[in-house]
Amino acid sequence: MIGYLSGVLRARQAQELLVDVQGVGYEVQVSLNTWFDLPESGQPVALYTHFVVREDAQQLFGFGTLAERDLFRELIRVSGVGPRLALAVLSGMTVAEFVRCVQAGELAPLVRLPGVGRKTAERLLVELRDRLAGWLVAAPVPAHDAGADLTGEAESALIALGYKPAEAARMVAAAQEAVGTGADSAALIRAALRAVVKN
């Protein structure tokens, strides 16, 4: 099991990283919440990881905090929730927001996440309510700027989460109106996702 990586961030795309660890390049999939807080390419990076081995693939998932990795591991224990869907959930909400939803039994915000239907949301509430009962989570860390083409980057991230291109464009446009033109791509994505959760 690979539980931790520390190296140099060589490249990053929508939710996928290439991390150089002493000359070996690891491809790592991350949530948007972790992606927001990455350093620039060429800078040191450290991630907690979870390694998934299947007959047809080996996948490495990375997390900026232990809390996010722990929640990922709880999510993939839920019936019908695989690593991809767990990563989508962690991209659509912070750990604190998800834990609060489960502890309060709030179904609606979970159903609005891409890829999470009503039945899956109900399973998440039922199966995780007891397991997350004692969780206390810190407030999220402010995001870093993610690049120059802010609107395109924000739309690409939402499309990677499962939203259709037209819907992603509409969400980003609405987010720009809400947060202002000076916002970075991370702020746009967060505003777009929060609008979906609140509506």
Protein backbone atom coordinates (compact mmCIF):
# COMPACT_ATOMS: atom_id res chain seq x y z
CA MET A 1 0.00 0.00 0.00
CA ILE A 2 1.29 3.45 -0.96
CA GLY A 3 0.09 5.77 1.81
CA TYR A 4 2.05 8.96 1.19
CA LEU A 5 3.93 10.70 -1.64
CA SER A 6 6.40 13.55 -1.34
CA GLY A 7 8.07 14.91 -4.45
CA VAL A 8 7.86 17.55 -7.16
CA LEU A 9 4.66 18.41 -9.01
CA ARG A 10 5.60 17.99 -12.68
CA ALA A 11 2.19 18.50 -14.30
CA ARG A 12 -1.45 18.92 -13.42
CA GLN A 13 -4.61 18.70 -15.46
CA ALA A 14 -8.25 18.51 -14.40
CA GLN A 15 -8.00 16.32 -11.28
CA GLU A 16 -4.92 14.41 -12.47
CA LEU A 17 -1.32 15.03 -11.37
CA LEU A 18 2.13 13.79 -12.28
CA VAL A 19 4.34 13.72 -9.19
CA ASP A 20 8.09 13.10 -9.54
CA VAL A 21 9.40 11.13 -6.55
CA GLN A 22 13.16 10.71 -6.95
CA GLY A 23 12.92 10.21 -10.70
CA VAL A 24 9.77 8.06 -10.71
CA GLY A 25 6.61 9.74 -12.02
CA TYR A 26 3.39 8.83 -10.21
CA GLU A 27 0.04 9.58 -11.86
CA VAL A 28 -2.31 10.64 -9.08
CA GLN A 29 -6.01 11.44 -9.24
CA VAL A 30 -7.25 14.09 -6.81
CA SER A 31 -10.47 15.82 -5.82
CA LEU A 32 -11.04 19.43 -6.79
CA ASN A 33 -10.68 20.43 -3.15
CA THR A 34 -7.14 19.06 -3.11
CA TRP A 35 -6.47 20.43 -6.61
CA PHE A 36 -7.40 23.96 -5.47
CA ASP A 37 -4.62 23.95 -2.91
CA LEU A 38 -1.81 22.56 -5.06
CA PRO A 39 1.42 24.50 -5.58
CA GLU A 40 2.52 25.55 -9.06
CA SER A 41 4.17 22.98 -11.35
CA GLY A 42 7.84 22.48 -10.47
CA GLN A 43 7.20 23.02 -6.75
CA PRO A 44 7.37 20.44 -3.92
CA VAL A 45 4.12 18.65 -3.12
CA ALA A 46 3.08 16.12 -0.49
CA LEU A 47 -0.07 14.00 -0.61
CA TYR A 48 -1.68 11.28 1.46
CA THR A 49 -2.66 8.49 -0.91
CA HIS A 50 -4.92 5.49 -1.38
CA PHE A 51 -3.88 2.78 -3.85
CA VAL A 52 -6.57 0.79 -5.67
CA VAL A 53 -5.63 -2.43 -7.48
CA ARG A 54 -8.08 -4.09 -9.86
CA GLU A 55 -7.77 -6.71 -12.57
CA ASP A 56 -7.84 -4.10 -15.32
CA ALA A 57 -6.20 -1.10 -13.64
CA GLN A 58 -4.08 0.27 -10.82
CA GLN A 59 -5.08 3.73 -9.60
CA LEU A 60 -3.49 6.07 -7.10
CA PHE A 61 -5.68 8.69 -5.42
CA GLY A 62 -4.17 11.66 -3.61
CA PHE A 63 -5.47 13.89 -0.81
CA GLY A 64 -4.28 17.13 0.72
CA THR A 65 -5.44 16.15 4.22
CA LEU A 66 -5.85 12.97 6.24
CA ALA A 67 -9.49 13.86 6.83
CA GLU A 68 -10.19 13.82 3.10
CA ARG A 69 -8.45 10.47 2.65
CA ASP A 70 -10.30 9.01 5.63
CA LEU A 71 -13.62 10.17 4.19
CA PHE A 72 -12.71 8.73 0.78
CA ARG A 73 -12.09 5.37 2.45
CA GLU A 74 -15.45 5.56 4.23
CA LEU A 75 -17.21 6.45 0.98
CA ILE A 76 -15.85 3.50 -1.00
CA ARG A 77 -17.09 1.15 1.73
CA VAL A 78 -20.67 2.23 0.91
CA SER A 79 -22.53 -0.18 -1.37
CA GLY A 80 -22.49 1.06 -4.98
CA VAL A 81 -19.85 3.76 -4.41
CA GLY A 82 -16.56 3.25 -6.22
CA PRO A 83 -13.41 5.40 -6.18
CA ARG A 84 -14.56 7.58 -9.10
CA LEU A 85 -17.88 8.45 -7.47
CA ALA A 86 -16.18 9.00 -4.10
CA LEU A 87 -13.79 11.46 -5.76
CA ALA A 88 -16.74 13.24 -7.40
CA VAL A 89 -18.44 13.59 -4.00
CA LEU A 90 -15.24 15.02 -2.48
CA SER A 91 -14.97 17.42 -5.42
CA GLY A 92 -18.51 18.70 -5.01
CA MET A 93 -18.28 19.30 -1.27
CA THR A 94 -15.60 19.90 1.31
CA VAL A 95 -15.14 17.26 4.01
CA ALA A 96 -16.80 19.58 6.53
CA GLU A 97 -19.83 20.18 4.29
CA PHE A 98 -20.31 16.47 3.61
CA VAL A 99 -19.98 15.48 7.25
CA ARG A 100 -22.49 18.15 8.26
CA CYS A 101 -24.97 16.87 5.63
CA VAL A 102 -24.68 13.29 6.88
CA GLN A 103 -24.86 14.22 10.56
CA ALA A 104 -27.94 16.38 9.91
CA GLY A 105 -29.55 13.82 7.57
CA GLU A 106 -29.79 16.32 4.70
CA LEU A 107 -30.57 14.43 1.51
CA ALA A 108 -31.11 17.26 -0.99
CA PRO A 109 -27.51 18.60 -1.16
CA LEU A 110 -26.19 15.07 -1.80
CA VAL A 111 -28.69 14.39 -4.61
CA ARG A 112 -27.47 17.53 -6.42
CA LEU A 113 -23.92 16.19 -6.67
CA PRO A 114 -23.07 14.82 -10.17
CA GLY A 115 -23.43 11.06 -10.35
CA VAL A 116 -25.28 10.79 -7.03
CA GLY A 117 -28.91 9.80 -7.47
CA ARG A 118 -31.53 9.68 -4.73
CA LYS A 119 -30.93 6.00 -3.90
CA THR A 120 -27.17 6.50 -3.61
CA ALA A 121 -27.67 9.59 -1.47
CA GLU A 122 -29.99 7.65 0.83
CA ARG A 123 -27.41 4.86 1.16
CA LEU A 124 -24.73 7.43 2.01
CA LEU A 125 -26.88 8.83 4.81
CA VAL A 126 -27.86 5.44 6.20
CA GLU A 127 -24.46 3.76 6.02
CA LEU A 128 -22.33 6.73 7.09
CA ARG A 129 -24.50 8.30 9.79
CA ASP A 130 -23.04 6.19 12.61
CA ARG A 131 -19.52 6.09 11.18
CA LEU A 132 -19.29 9.89 10.89
CA ALA A 133 -21.16 10.68 14.10
CA GLY A 134 -18.05 11.68 16.04
CA TRP A 135 -16.22 13.47 13.24
CA LEU A 136 -15.04 17.01 13.87
CA VAL A 137 -13.52 18.73 10.85
CA ALA A 138 -11.61 21.97 10.45
CA ALA A 139 -12.63 24.83 8.17
CA PRO A 140 -11.32 24.57 4.59
CA VAL A 141 -8.01 26.21 3.67
CA PRO A 142 -8.20 29.18 1.23
CA ALA A 143 -7.56 28.17 -2.36
CA HIS A 144 -4.61 29.10 -4.54
CA ASP A 145 -4.85 30.54 -8.05
CA ALA A 146 -4.99 27.69 -10.53
CA GLY A 147 -4.01 29.31 -13.82
CA ALA A 148 -4.51 31.92 -16.46
CA ASP A 149 -7.57 30.76 -18.43
CA LEU A 150 -9.85 30.99 -15.43
CA THR A 151 -13.21 30.52 -17.12
CA GLY A 152 -12.05 27.64 -19.33
CA GLU A 153 -10.30 25.95 -16.42
CA ALA A 154 -13.40 26.23 -14.25
CA GLU A 155 -15.63 24.84 -17.01
CA SER A 156 -13.22 21.94 -17.65
CA ALA A 157 -13.21 21.04 -13.96
CA LEU A 158 -17.02 20.98 -13.84
CA ILE A 159 -17.18 18.86 -17.01
CA ALA A 160 -14.71 16.43 -15.41
CA LEU A 161 -17.16 16.16 -12.50
CA GLY A 162 -19.91 15.04 -14.86
CA TYR A 163 -21.71 18.24 -15.82
CA LYS A 164 -22.55 18.78 -19.49
CA PRO A 165 -20.49 21.50 -21.28
CA ALA A 166 -23.46 23.86 -21.70
CA GLU A 167 -24.43 23.40 -18.07
CA ALA A 168 -20.85 23.97 -16.92
CA ALA A 169 -20.66 27.18 -18.96
CA ARG A 170 -23.92 28.41 -17.45
CA MET A 171 -22.75 27.58 -13.92
CA VAL A 172 -19.43 29.40 -14.40
CA ALA A 173 -21.15 32.46 -15.90
CA ALA A 174 -23.50 32.61 -12.91
CA ALA A 175 -20.58 32.17 -10.53
CA GLN A 176 -18.70 35.06 -12.18
CA GLU A 177 -21.68 37.33 -11.58
CA ALA A 178 -21.83 36.22 -7.94
CA VAL A 179 -18.14 36.54 -7.03
CA GLY A 180 -16.96 39.23 -9.46
CA THR A 181 -14.54 39.35 -12.37
CA GLY A 182 -11.39 39.30 -10.20
CA ALA A 183 -12.04 35.81 -8.83
CA ASP A 184 -9.62 32.98 -9.62
CA SER A 185 -10.71 29.64 -11.10
CA ALA A 186 -10.89 27.96 -7.70
CA ALA A 187 -13.30 30.61 -6.44
CA LEU A 188 -15.43 30.24 -9.58
CA ILE A 189 -15.67 26.45 -9.21
CA ARG A 190 -16.50 26.66 -5.53
CA ALA A 191 -19.16 29.31 -6.14
CA ALA A 192 -20.69 27.22 -8.94
CA LEU A 193 -20.81 24.08 -6.78
CA ARG A 194 -22.17 25.92 -3.75
CA ALA A 195 -24.97 27.36 -5.88
CA VAL A 196 -25.95 23.82 -6.92
CA VAL A 197 -25.93 22.59 -3.31
CA LYS A 198 -27.99 25.53 -2.05
CA ASN A 199 -30.62 25.55 -4.81
